[in-house]
Every structure is written in structure tokens, then in C-alpha cells.
Amino acid sequence: MIDVESLALPWARVVTLPMEAGIQGAFDRETSTIFLASNLSDMQRACVLAHEISHAKHRDHGCYGHRSPMERRADMDAARLLINPTEYATAELVCDNVVWLARELNG
């Protein structure tokens, strides 16, 4: 799997700490810090960190709800960061079940 942690370094420092239930990550523009919840699995951590890296790159401010253009952009950026298009296309040839596809990509 890609080392997402090192990809964050040009944009922000990463801090892991206990967070309120339901909050997995956040970006603070004032301190250029990405905060990640300490209870995330390795896979969750990679996904949340990739999402927050997008916010850091774009210097986003505040939270505007999961349907905002800023959040959709962060989700798309995270997917581009985490999913290799060639590997995805190859895995899609092997299976069409979304669970098996995820397992195939996760290796």
C-alpha cells in the first residue's frame, strides 16, 4: 500500500489523538495540522489521511458537510491517491463484486 503518511509532509504535520465519536479526521489551516482519530484501523487511517491531505493542499477552511463541493473534491482526490487505475481495471476484469474487488485491490 502507498505510504500516505509521507505524502502529507509537504502540506501538513499529522497528529493522532482521541477524537469525539463520529469524527475521524480534521485539517486545521491555521497550524497546517491534520488530526486523525487514534481508534482508526490502518485502512481507515490511510483513507482519512488521504482525504485530509486534499483539504491541506487546497488550504480548506471549516467543515461544510459531506455533500459540499469541497468534501466531494477531497473524496475524489483521496480515491486518486489511493487507487491505481491500472490495478483497478485489472481487478475489475477478475470480479464484479464490490467486496471482492476491494479485497483484490487491497492485496
PDB file of N, CA and C in Angstrom:
ATOM      1  N   MET A   1       0.848  -1.182   0.000  1.00  0.00           N
ATOM      2  CA  MET A   1       0.000   0.000   0.000  1.00  0.00           C
ATOM      3  C   MET A   1       0.895   1.247   0.000  1.00  0.00           C
ATOM      4  N   ILE A   2       0.407   2.283  -0.585  1.00  0.00           N
ATOM      5  CA  ILE A   2       1.120   3.559  -0.677  1.00  0.00           C
ATOM      6  C   ILE A   2       1.353   4.148   0.725  1.00  0.00           C
ATOM      7  N   ASP A   3       2.481   4.800   0.912  1.00  0.00           N
ATOM      8  CA  ASP A   3       2.798   5.436   2.189  1.00  0.00           C
ATOM      9  C   ASP A   3       2.154   6.826   2.214  1.00  0.00           C
ATOM     10  N   VAL A   4       0.913   6.868   2.636  1.00  0.00           N
ATOM     11  CA  VAL A   4       0.138   8.111   2.633  1.00  0.00           C
ATOM     12  C   VAL A   4       0.736   9.117   3.610  1.00  0.00           C
ATOM     13  N   GLU A   5       1.261   8.610   4.699  1.00  0.00           N
ATOM     14  CA  GLU A   5       1.842   9.491   5.725  1.00  0.00           C
ATOM     15  C   GLU A   5       2.928  10.390   5.132  1.00  0.00           C
ATOM     16  N   SER A   6       3.794   9.823   4.302  1.00  0.00           N
ATOM     17  CA  SER A   6       4.876  10.629   3.723  1.00  0.00           C
ATOM     18  C   SER A   6       4.337  11.637   2.708  1.00  0.00           C
ATOM     19  N   LEU A   7       3.206  11.331   2.087  1.00  0.00           N
ATOM     20  CA  LEU A   7       2.611  12.256   1.126  1.00  0.00           C
ATOM     21  C   LEU A   7       2.014  13.495   1.806  1.00  0.00           C
ATOM     22  N   ALA A   8       1.739  13.383   3.079  1.00  0.00           N
ATOM     23  CA  ALA A   8       1.177  14.517   3.811  1.00  0.00           C
ATOM     24  C   ALA A   8       2.235  15.562   4.160  1.00  0.00           C
ATOM     25  N   LEU A   9       3.482  15.137   4.256  1.00  0.00           N
ATOM     26  CA  LEU A   9       4.544  16.004   4.775  1.00  0.00           C
ATOM     27  C   LEU A   9       4.689  17.362   4.094  1.00  0.00           C
ATOM     28  N   PRO A  10       4.573  17.474   2.780  1.00  0.00           N
ATOM     29  CA  PRO A  10       4.702  18.813   2.181  1.00  0.00           C
ATOM     30  C   PRO A  10       3.563  19.764   2.559  1.00  0.00           C
ATOM     31  N   TRP A  11       2.449  19.210   3.008  1.00  0.00           N
ATOM     32  CA  TRP A  11       1.249  20.023   3.217  1.00  0.00           C
ATOM     33  C   TRP A  11       0.928  20.278   4.682  1.00  0.00           C
ATOM     34  N   ALA A  12       1.219  19.296   5.536  1.00  0.00           N
ATOM     35  CA  ALA A  12       0.815  19.432   6.945  1.00  0.00           C
ATOM     36  C   ALA A  12       1.524  18.399   7.802  1.00  0.00           C
ATOM     37  N   ARG A  13       1.578  18.688   9.083  1.00  0.00           N
ATOM     38  CA  ARG A  13       2.048  17.667  10.015  1.00  0.00           C
ATOM     39  C   ARG A  13       0.834  16.847  10.418  1.00  0.00           C
ATOM     40  N   VAL A  14       1.071  15.606  10.825  1.00  0.00           N
ATOM     41  CA  VAL A  14      -0.023  14.701  11.171  1.00  0.00           C
ATOM     42  C   VAL A  14       0.051  14.379  12.660  1.00  0.00           C
ATOM     43  N   VAL A  15      -1.064  14.548  13.334  1.00  0.00           N
ATOM     44  CA  VAL A  15      -1.156  14.287  14.761  1.00  0.00           C
ATOM     45  C   VAL A  15      -2.297  13.297  14.992  1.00  0.00           C
ATOM     46  N   THR A  16      -2.024  12.281  15.785  1.00  0.00           N
ATOM     47  CA  THR A  16      -3.037  11.283  16.129  1.00  0.00           C
ATOM     48  C   THR A  16      -3.450  11.499  17.586  1.00  0.00           C
ATOM     49  N   LEU A  17      -4.750  11.530  17.824  1.00  0.00           N
ATOM     50  CA  LEU A  17      -5.248  11.732  19.173  1.00  0.00           C
ATOM     51  C   LEU A  17      -6.678  11.226  19.287  1.00  0.00           C
ATOM     52  N   PRO A  18      -7.152  10.992  20.512  1.00  0.00           N
ATOM     53  CA  PRO A  18      -8.556  10.603  20.674  1.00  0.00           C
ATOM     54  C   PRO A  18      -9.452  11.740  20.175  1.00  0.00           C
ATOM     55  N   MET A  19     -10.502  11.360  19.449  1.00  0.00           N
ATOM     56  CA  MET A  19     -11.424  12.371  18.925  1.00  0.00           C
ATOM     57  C   MET A  19     -12.848  11.996  19.309  1.00  0.00           C
ATOM     58  N   GLU A  20     -13.707  12.966  19.245  1.00  0.00           N
ATOM     59  CA  GLU A  20     -15.127  12.787  19.540  1.00  0.00           C
ATOM     60  C   GLU A  20     -15.706  11.693  18.642  1.00  0.00           C
ATOM     61  N   ALA A  21     -16.619  10.906  19.180  1.00  0.00           N
ATOM     62  CA  ALA A  21     -17.262   9.838  18.416  1.00  0.00           C
ATOM     63  C   ALA A  21     -17.826  10.392  17.111  1.00  0.00           C
ATOM     64  N   GLY A  22     -17.573   9.688  16.031  1.00  0.00           N
ATOM     65  CA  GLY A  22     -18.081  10.098  14.727  1.00  0.00           C
ATOM     66  C   GLY A  22     -17.131  10.982  13.943  1.00  0.00           C
ATOM     67  N   ILE A  23     -16.077  11.477  14.575  1.00  0.00           N
ATOM     68  CA  ILE A  23     -15.096  12.298  13.869  1.00  0.00           C
ATOM     69  C   ILE A  23     -13.832  11.473  13.673  1.00  0.00           C
ATOM     70  N   GLN A  24     -13.436  11.328  12.420  1.00  0.00           N
ATOM     71  CA  GLN A  24     -12.267  10.511  12.106  1.00  0.00           C
ATOM     72  C   GLN A  24     -11.031  11.343  11.798  1.00  0.00           C
ATOM     73  N   GLY A  25     -11.232  12.554  11.313  1.00  0.00           N
ATOM     74  CA  GLY A  25     -10.093  13.391  10.972  1.00  0.00           C
ATOM     75  C   GLY A  25     -10.521  14.827  10.748  1.00  0.00           C
ATOM     76  N   ALA A  26      -9.521  15.705  10.731  1.00  0.00           N
ATOM     77  CA  ALA A  26      -9.778  17.128  10.502  1.00  0.00           C
ATOM     78  C   ALA A  26      -8.484  17.801  10.077  1.00  0.00           C
ATOM     79  N   PHE A  27      -8.628  18.905   9.362  1.00  0.00           N
ATOM     80  CA  PHE A  27      -7.474  19.713   8.983  1.00  0.00           C
ATOM     81  C   PHE A  27      -7.627  21.095   9.586  1.00  0.00           C
ATOM     82  N   ASP A  28      -6.570  21.575  10.237  1.00  0.00           N
ATOM     83  CA  ASP A  28      -6.552  22.923  10.799  1.00  0.00           C
ATOM     84  C   ASP A  28      -5.627  23.783   9.944  1.00  0.00           C
ATOM     85  N   ARG A  29      -6.224  24.707   9.198  1.00  0.00           N
ATOM     86  CA  ARG A  29      -5.468  25.567   8.286  1.00  0.00           C
ATOM     87  C   ARG A  29      -4.510  26.494   9.034  1.00  0.00           C
ATOM     88  N   GLU A  30      -4.902  26.951  10.189  1.00  0.00           N
ATOM     89  CA  GLU A  30      -4.075  27.891  10.958  1.00  0.00           C
ATOM     90  C   GLU A  30      -2.731  27.290  11.355  1.00  0.00           C
ATOM     91  N   THR A  31      -2.721  26.007  11.695  1.00  0.00           N
ATOM     92  CA  THR A  31      -1.485  25.356  12.153  1.00  0.00           C
ATOM     93  C   THR A  31      -0.926  24.362  11.142  1.00  0.00           C
ATOM     94  N   SER A  32      -1.588  24.240   9.989  1.00  0.00           N
ATOM     95  CA  SER A  32      -1.197  23.250   8.968  1.00  0.00           C
ATOM     96  C   SER A  32      -1.040  21.863   9.595  1.00  0.00           C
ATOM     97  N   THR A  33      -2.084  21.462  10.309  1.00  0.00           N
ATOM     98  CA  THR A  33      -2.068  20.183  11.010  1.00  0.00           C
ATOM     99  C   THR A  33      -3.256  19.342  10.592  1.00  0.00           C
ATOM    100  N   ILE A  34      -2.983  18.075  10.297  1.00  0.00           N
ATOM    101  CA  ILE A  34      -4.032  17.093  10.061  1.00  0.00           C
ATOM    102  C   ILE A  34      -4.163  16.288  11.350  1.00  0.00           C
ATOM    103  N   PHE A  35      -5.363  16.231  11.887  1.00  0.00           N
ATOM    104  CA  PHE A  35      -5.643  15.450  13.091  1.00  0.00           C
ATOM    105  C   PHE A  35      -6.365  14.176  12.679  1.00  0.00           C
ATOM    106  N   LEU A  36      -5.904  13.045  13.205  1.00  0.00           N
ATOM    107  CA  LEU A  36      -6.525  11.754  12.924  1.00  0.00           C
ATOM    108  C   LEU A  36      -6.938  11.097  14.231  1.00  0.00           C
ATOM    109  N   ALA A  37      -8.095  10.450  14.216  1.00  0.00           N
ATOM    110  CA  ALA A  37      -8.578   9.748  15.406  1.00  0.00           C
ATOM    111  C   ALA A  37      -7.661   8.563  15.715  1.00  0.00           C
ATOM    112  N   SER A  38      -7.399   8.361  16.970  1.00  0.00           N
ATOM    113  CA  SER A  38      -6.477   7.308  17.386  1.00  0.00           C
ATOM    114  C   SER A  38      -7.072   5.908  17.285  1.00  0.00           C
ATOM    115  N   ASN A  39      -8.376   5.786  17.084  1.00  0.00           N
ATOM    116  CA  ASN A  39      -9.011   4.465  17.046  1.00  0.00           C
ATOM    117  C   ASN A  39      -9.230   3.937  15.624  1.00  0.00           C
ATOM    118  N   LEU A  40      -8.593   4.514  14.626  1.00  0.00           N
ATOM    119  CA  LEU A  40      -8.776   4.078  13.241  1.00  0.00           C
ATOM    120  C   LEU A  40      -7.929   2.841  12.939  1.00  0.00           C
ATOM    121  N   SER A  41      -8.464   1.954  12.124  1.00  0.00           N
ATOM    122  CA  SER A  41      -7.667   0.834  11.623  1.00  0.00           C
ATOM    123  C   SER A  41      -6.644   1.396  10.628  1.00  0.00           C
ATOM    124  N   ASP A  42      -5.685   0.596  10.225  1.00  0.00           N
ATOM    125  CA  ASP A  42      -4.688   1.058   9.259  1.00  0.00           C
ATOM    126  C   ASP A  42      -5.339   1.512   7.956  1.00  0.00           C
ATOM    127  N   MET A  43      -6.331   0.770   7.480  1.00  0.00           N
ATOM    128  CA  MET A  43      -7.019   1.112   6.236  1.00  0.00           C
ATOM    129  C   MET A  43      -7.816   2.403   6.400  1.00  0.00           C
ATOM    130  N   GLN A  44      -8.542   2.516   7.498  1.00  0.00           N
ATOM    131  CA  GLN A  44      -9.294   3.748   7.757  1.00  0.00           C
ATOM    132  C   GLN A  44      -8.347   4.941   7.851  1.00  0.00           C
ATOM    133  N   ARG A  45      -7.234   4.759   8.527  1.00  0.00           N
ATOM    134  CA  ARG A  45      -6.262   5.832   8.693  1.00  0.00           C
ATOM    135  C   ARG A  45      -5.764   6.315   7.333  1.00  0.00           C
ATOM    136  N   ALA A  46      -5.439   5.385   6.445  1.00  0.00           N
ATOM    137  CA  ALA A  46      -4.953   5.749   5.107  1.00  0.00           C
ATOM    138  C   ALA A  46      -6.017   6.531   4.341  1.00  0.00           C
ATOM    139  N   CYS A  47      -7.260   6.080   4.407  1.00  0.00           N
ATOM    140  CA  CYS A  47      -8.345   6.747   3.684  1.00  0.00           C
ATOM    141  C   CYS A  47      -8.634   8.138   4.232  1.00  0.00           C
ATOM    142  N   VAL A  48      -8.719   8.240   5.550  1.00  0.00           N
ATOM    143  CA  VAL A  48      -8.998   9.541   6.175  1.00  0.00           C
ATOM    144  C   VAL A  48      -7.835  10.498   5.928  1.00  0.00           C
ATOM    145  N   LEU A  49      -6.618   9.995   6.048  1.00  0.00           N
ATOM    146  CA  LEU A  49      -5.450  10.846   5.824  1.00  0.00           C
ATOM    147  C   LEU A  49      -5.408  11.340   4.377  1.00  0.00           C
ATOM    148  N   ALA A  50      -5.691  10.470   3.420  1.00  0.00           N
ATOM    149  CA  ALA A  50      -5.713  10.888   2.006  1.00  0.00           C
ATOM    150  C   ALA A  50      -6.755  11.981   1.794  1.00  0.00           C
ATOM    151  N   HIS A  51      -7.908  11.851   2.422  1.00  0.00           N
ATOM    152  CA  HIS A  51      -8.972  12.856   2.333  1.00  0.00           C
ATOM    153  C   HIS A  51      -8.505  14.188   2.930  1.00  0.00           C
ATOM    154  N   GLU A  52      -7.902  14.114   4.098  1.00  0.00           N
ATOM    155  CA  GLU A  52      -7.454  15.341   4.769  1.00  0.00           C
ATOM    156  C   GLU A  52      -6.270  15.991   4.042  1.00  0.00           C
ATOM    157  N   ILE A  53      -5.450  15.197   3.365  1.00  0.00           N
ATOM    158  CA  ILE A  53      -4.358  15.769   2.563  1.00  0.00           C
ATOM    159  C   ILE A  53      -4.935  16.705   1.500  1.00  0.00           C
ATOM    160  N   SER A  54      -6.051  16.322   0.897  1.00  0.00           N
ATOM    161  CA  SER A  54      -6.691  17.191  -0.095  1.00  0.00           C
ATOM    162  C   SER A  54      -7.072  18.525   0.536  1.00  0.00           C
ATOM    163  N   HIS A  55      -7.659  18.477   1.724  1.00  0.00           N
ATOM    164  CA  HIS A  55      -8.008  19.731   2.409  1.00  0.00           C
ATOM    165  C   HIS A  55      -6.754  20.556   2.672  1.00  0.00           C
ATOM    166  N   ALA A  56      -5.677  19.905   3.068  1.00  0.00           N
ATOM    167  CA  ALA A  56      -4.428  20.622   3.350  1.00  0.00           C
ATOM    168  C   ALA A  56      -3.859  21.241   2.078  1.00  0.00           C
ATOM    169  N   LYS A  57      -3.844  20.488   0.984  1.00  0.00           N
ATOM    170  CA  LYS A  57      -3.316  21.002  -0.287  1.00  0.00           C
ATOM    171  C   LYS A  57      -4.076  22.233  -0.756  1.00  0.00           C
ATOM    172  N   HIS A  58      -5.384  22.207  -0.559  1.00  0.00           N
ATOM    173  CA  HIS A  58      -6.235  23.304  -1.028  1.00  0.00           C
ATOM    174  C   HIS A  58      -6.457  24.373   0.044  1.00  0.00           C
ATOM    175  N   ARG A  59      -5.846  24.153   1.217  1.00  0.00           N
ATOM    176  CA  ARG A  59      -5.951  25.113   2.323  1.00  0.00           C
ATOM    177  C   ARG A  59      -7.413  25.397   2.690  1.00  0.00           C
ATOM    178  N   ASP A  60      -8.216  24.331   2.686  1.00  0.00           N
ATOM    179  CA  ASP A  60      -9.634  24.462   3.019  1.00  0.00           C
ATOM    180  C   ASP A  60      -9.802  24.933   4.457  1.00  0.00           C
ATOM    181  N   HIS A  61     -10.909  25.598   4.679  1.00  0.00           N
ATOM    182  CA  HIS A  61     -11.205  26.146   6.000  1.00  0.00           C
ATOM    183  C   HIS A  61     -12.610  25.738   6.400  1.00  0.00           C
ATOM    184  N   GLY A  62     -12.739  25.100   7.548  1.00  0.00           N
ATOM    185  CA  GLY A  62     -14.055  24.748   8.066  1.00  0.00           C
ATOM    186  C   GLY A  62     -14.600  23.464   7.480  1.00  0.00           C
ATOM    187  N   CYS A  63     -15.726  23.060   7.996  1.00  0.00           N
ATOM    188  CA  CYS A  63     -16.402  21.844   7.542  1.00  0.00           C
ATOM    189  C   CYS A  63     -17.770  22.250   7.009  1.00  0.00           C
ATOM    190  N   TYR A  64     -18.056  21.873   5.802  1.00  0.00           N
ATOM    191  CA  TYR A  64     -19.302  22.304   5.167  1.00  0.00           C
ATOM    192  C   TYR A  64     -20.261  21.162   4.887  1.00  0.00           C
ATOM    193  N   GLY A  65     -20.100  20.051   5.580  1.00  0.00           N
ATOM    194  CA  GLY A  65     -20.985  18.911   5.393  1.00  0.00           C
ATOM    195  C   GLY A  65     -20.492  17.999   4.296  1.00  0.00           C
ATOM    196  N   HIS A  66     -20.833  16.717   4.398  1.00  0.00           N
ATOM    197  CA  HIS A  66     -20.280  15.707   3.489  1.00  0.00           C
ATOM    198  C   HIS A  66     -20.738  15.853   2.042  1.00  0.00           C
ATOM    199  N   ARG A  67     -21.723  16.661   1.764  1.00  0.00           N
ATOM    200  CA  ARG A  67     -22.192  16.832   0.377  1.00  0.00           C
ATOM    201  C   ARG A  67     -21.679  18.108  -0.282  1.00  0.00           C
ATOM    202  N   SER A  68     -20.842  18.841   0.400  1.00  0.00           N
ATOM    203  CA  SER A  68     -20.334  20.087  -0.164  1.00  0.00           C
ATOM    204  C   SER A  68     -19.341  19.790  -1.284  1.00  0.00           C
ATOM    205  N   PRO A  69     -19.173  20.715  -2.218  1.00  0.00           N
ATOM    206  CA  PRO A  69     -18.184  20.522  -3.289  1.00  0.00           C
ATOM    207  C   PRO A  69     -16.772  20.279  -2.747  1.00  0.00           C
ATOM    208  N   MET A  70     -16.425  20.928  -1.645  1.00  0.00           N
ATOM    209  CA  MET A  70     -15.111  20.759  -1.046  1.00  0.00           C
ATOM    210  C   MET A  70     -14.913  19.316  -0.542  1.00  0.00           C
ATOM    211  N   GLU A  71     -15.941  18.755   0.071  1.00  0.00           N
ATOM    212  CA  GLU A  71     -15.856  17.378   0.573  1.00  0.00           C
ATOM    213  C   GLU A  71     -15.841  16.369  -0.568  1.00  0.00           C
ATOM    214  N   ARG A  72     -16.633  16.624  -1.605  1.00  0.00           N
ATOM    215  CA  ARG A  72     -16.619  15.725  -2.778  1.00  0.00           C
ATOM    216  C   ARG A  72     -15.249  15.762  -3.450  1.00  0.00           C
ATOM    217  N   ARG A  73     -14.659  16.958  -3.554  1.00  0.00           N
ATOM    218  CA  ARG A  73     -13.332  17.074  -4.141  1.00  0.00           C
ATOM    219  C   ARG A  73     -12.313  16.298  -3.307  1.00  0.00           C
ATOM    220  N   ALA A  74     -12.394  16.415  -1.987  1.00  0.00           N
ATOM    221  CA  ALA A  74     -11.464  15.701  -1.107  1.00  0.00           C
ATOM    222  C   ALA A  74     -11.621  14.191  -1.258  1.00  0.00           C
ATOM    223  N   ASP A  75     -12.856  13.716  -1.401  1.00  0.00           N
ATOM    224  CA  ASP A  75     -13.088  12.287  -1.620  1.00  0.00           C
ATOM    225  C   ASP A  75     -12.491  11.826  -2.951  1.00  0.00           C
ATOM    226  N   MET A  76     -12.687  12.615  -3.987  1.00  0.00           N
ATOM    227  CA  MET A  76     -12.142  12.261  -5.308  1.00  0.00           C
ATOM    228  C   MET A  76     -10.612  12.281  -5.289  1.00  0.00           C
ATOM    229  N   ASP A  77     -10.031  13.297  -4.666  1.00  0.00           N
ATOM    230  CA  ASP A  77      -8.571  13.369  -4.560  1.00  0.00           C
ATOM    231  C   ASP A  77      -8.026  12.166  -3.800  1.00  0.00           C
ATOM    232  N   ALA A  78      -8.708  11.791  -2.720  1.00  0.00           N
ATOM    233  CA  ALA A  78      -8.273  10.635  -1.927  1.00  0.00           C
ATOM    234  C   ALA A  78      -8.328   9.356  -2.759  1.00  0.00           C
ATOM    235  N   ALA A  79      -9.399   9.184  -3.523  1.00  0.00           N
ATOM    236  CA  ALA A  79      -9.514   7.999  -4.372  1.00  0.00           C
ATOM    237  C   ALA A  79      -8.386   7.958  -5.403  1.00  0.00           C
ATOM    238  N   ARG A  80      -8.088   9.094  -6.011  1.00  0.00           N
ATOM    239  CA  ARG A  80      -6.997   9.148  -6.993  1.00  0.00           C
ATOM    240  C   ARG A  80      -5.651   8.832  -6.358  1.00  0.00           C
ATOM    241  N   LEU A  81      -5.494   9.231  -5.128  1.00  0.00           N
ATOM    242  CA  LEU A  81      -4.250   8.992  -4.415  1.00  0.00           C
ATOM    243  C   LEU A  81      -4.094   7.515  -4.038  1.00  0.00           C
ATOM    244  N   LEU A  82      -5.190   6.886  -3.648  1.00  0.00           N
ATOM    245  CA  LEU A  82      -5.139   5.530  -3.109  1.00  0.00           C
ATOM    246  C   LEU A  82      -5.339   4.414  -4.129  1.00  0.00           C
ATOM    247  N   ILE A  83      -5.982   4.723  -5.249  1.00  0.00           N
ATOM    248  CA  ILE A  83      -6.333   3.671  -6.207  1.00  0.00           C
ATOM    249  C   ILE A  83      -5.537   3.844  -7.486  1.00  0.00           C
ATOM    250  N   ASN A  84      -4.784   2.825  -7.816  1.00  0.00           N
ATOM    251  CA  ASN A  84      -4.036   2.807  -9.067  1.00  0.00           C
ATOM    252  C   ASN A  84      -5.001   2.411 -10.188  1.00  0.00           C
ATOM    253  N   PRO A  85      -5.201   3.259 -11.207  1.00  0.00           N
ATOM    254  CA  PRO A  85      -6.181   2.970 -12.256  1.00  0.00           C
ATOM    255  C   PRO A  85      -5.918   1.653 -13.000  1.00  0.00           C
ATOM    256  N   THR A  86      -4.660   1.330 -13.225  1.00  0.00           N
ATOM    257  CA  THR A  86      -4.327   0.083 -13.925  1.00  0.00           C
ATOM    258  C   THR A  86      -4.686  -1.124 -13.074  1.00  0.00           C
ATOM    259  N   GLU A  87      -4.349  -1.075 -11.791  1.00  0.00           N
ATOM    260  CA  GLU A  87      -4.693  -2.170 -10.890  1.00  0.00           C
ATOM    261  C   GLU A  87      -6.209  -2.315 -10.770  1.00  0.00           C
ATOM    262  N   TYR A  88      -6.911  -1.189 -10.740  1.00  0.00           N
ATOM    263  CA  TYR A  88      -8.369  -1.228 -10.650  1.00  0.00           C
ATOM    264  C   TYR A  88      -8.967  -1.908 -11.882  1.00  0.00           C
ATOM    265  N   ALA A  89      -8.507  -1.506 -13.064  1.00  0.00           N
ATOM    266  CA  ALA A  89      -9.028  -2.087 -14.309  1.00  0.00           C
ATOM    267  C   ALA A  89      -8.755  -3.586 -14.364  1.00  0.00           C
ATOM    268  N   THR A  90      -7.579  -3.984 -13.934  1.00  0.00           N
ATOM    269  CA  THR A  90      -7.229  -5.405 -13.918  1.00  0.00           C
ATOM    270  C   THR A  90      -8.106  -6.168 -12.937  1.00  0.00           C
ATOM    271  N   ALA A  91      -8.300  -5.623 -11.751  1.00  0.00           N
ATOM    272  CA  ALA A  91      -9.144  -6.272 -10.749  1.00  0.00           C
ATOM    273  C   ALA A  91     -10.592  -6.357 -11.216  1.00  0.00           C
ATOM    274  N   GLU A  92     -11.048  -5.346 -11.935  1.00  0.00           N
ATOM    275  CA  GLU A  92     -12.420  -5.330 -12.437  1.00  0.00           C
ATOM    276  C   GLU A  92     -12.650  -6.457 -13.448  1.00  0.00           C
ATOM    277  N   LEU A  93     -11.602  -6.848 -14.170  1.00  0.00           N
ATOM    278  CA  LEU A  93     -11.706  -7.967 -15.106  1.00  0.00           C
ATOM    279  C   LEU A  93     -11.884  -9.296 -14.372  1.00  0.00           C
ATOM    280  N   VAL A  94     -11.327  -9.379 -13.170  1.00  0.00           N
ATOM    281  CA  VAL A  94     -11.367 -10.610 -12.390  1.00  0.00           C
ATOM    282  C   VAL A  94     -12.709 -10.786 -11.696  1.00  0.00           C
ATOM    283  N   CYS A  95     -13.303  -9.697 -11.232  1.00  0.00           N
ATOM    284  CA  CYS A  95     -14.555  -9.807 -10.490  1.00  0.00           C
ATOM    285  C   CYS A  95     -15.388  -8.537 -10.616  1.00  0.00           C
ATOM    286  N   ASP A  96     -16.695  -8.694 -10.428  1.00  0.00           N
ATOM    287  CA  ASP A  96     -17.570  -7.530 -10.482  1.00  0.00           C
ATOM    288  C   ASP A  96     -18.264  -7.284  -9.144  1.00  0.00           C
ATOM    289  N   ASN A  97     -17.942  -8.082  -8.147  1.00  0.00           N
ATOM    290  CA  ASN A  97     -18.493  -7.913  -6.811  1.00  0.00           C
ATOM    291  C   ASN A  97     -17.655  -6.874  -6.071  1.00  0.00           C
ATOM    292  N   VAL A  98     -18.296  -5.845  -5.547  1.00  0.00           N
ATOM    293  CA  VAL A  98     -17.572  -4.730  -4.941  1.00  0.00           C
ATOM    294  C   VAL A  98     -16.718  -5.169  -3.744  1.00  0.00           C
ATOM    295  N   VAL A  99     -17.190  -6.125  -2.957  1.00  0.00           N
ATOM    296  CA  VAL A  99     -16.419  -6.601  -1.807  1.00  0.00           C
ATOM    297  C   VAL A  99     -15.169  -7.337  -2.282  1.00  0.00           C
ATOM    298  N   TRP A 100     -15.338  -8.235  -3.253  1.00  0.00           N
ATOM    299  CA  TRP A 100     -14.181  -8.973  -3.774  1.00  0.00           C
ATOM    300  C   TRP A 100     -13.226  -8.037  -4.509  1.00  0.00           C
ATOM    301  N   LEU A 101     -13.763  -7.031  -5.174  1.00  0.00           N
ATOM    302  CA  LEU A 101     -12.925  -6.045  -5.875  1.00  0.00           C
ATOM    303  C   LEU A 101     -12.044  -5.300  -4.866  1.00  0.00           C
ATOM    304  N   ALA A 102     -12.634  -4.902  -3.756  1.00  0.00           N
ATOM    305  CA  ALA A 102     -11.866  -4.214  -2.712  1.00  0.00           C
ATOM    306  C   ALA A 102     -10.791  -5.122  -2.154  1.00  0.00           C
ATOM    307  N   ARG A 103     -11.125  -6.387  -1.938  1.00  0.00           N
ATOM    308  CA  ARG A 103     -10.136  -7.337  -1.430  1.00  0.00           C
ATOM    309  C   ARG A 103      -9.012  -7.558  -2.432  1.00  0.00           C
ATOM    310  N   GLU A 104      -9.352  -7.648  -3.686  1.00  0.00           N
ATOM    311  CA  GLU A 104      -8.347  -7.836  -4.748  1.00  0.00           C
ATOM    312  C   GLU A 104      -7.388  -6.642  -4.782  1.00  0.00           C
ATOM    313  N   LEU A 105      -7.918  -5.439  -4.671  1.00  0.00           N
ATOM    314  CA  LEU A 105      -7.077  -4.239  -4.699  1.00  0.00           C
ATOM    315  C   LEU A 105      -6.246  -4.090  -3.441  1.00  0.00           C
ATOM    316  N   ASN A 106      -6.789  -4.556  -2.326  1.00  0.00           N
ATOM    317  CA  ASN A 106      -6.074  -4.423  -1.059  1.00  0.00           C
ATOM    318  C   ASN A 106      -4.930  -5.422  -0.961  1.00  0.00           C
ATOM    319  N   GLY A 107      -4.973  -6.467  -1.790  1.00  0.00           N
ATOM    320  CA  GLY A 107      -3.897  -7.460  -1.838  1.00  0.00           C
ATOM    321  C   GLY A 107      -3.668  -8.126  -0.551  1.00  0.00           C
TER     322      GLY A 107
END
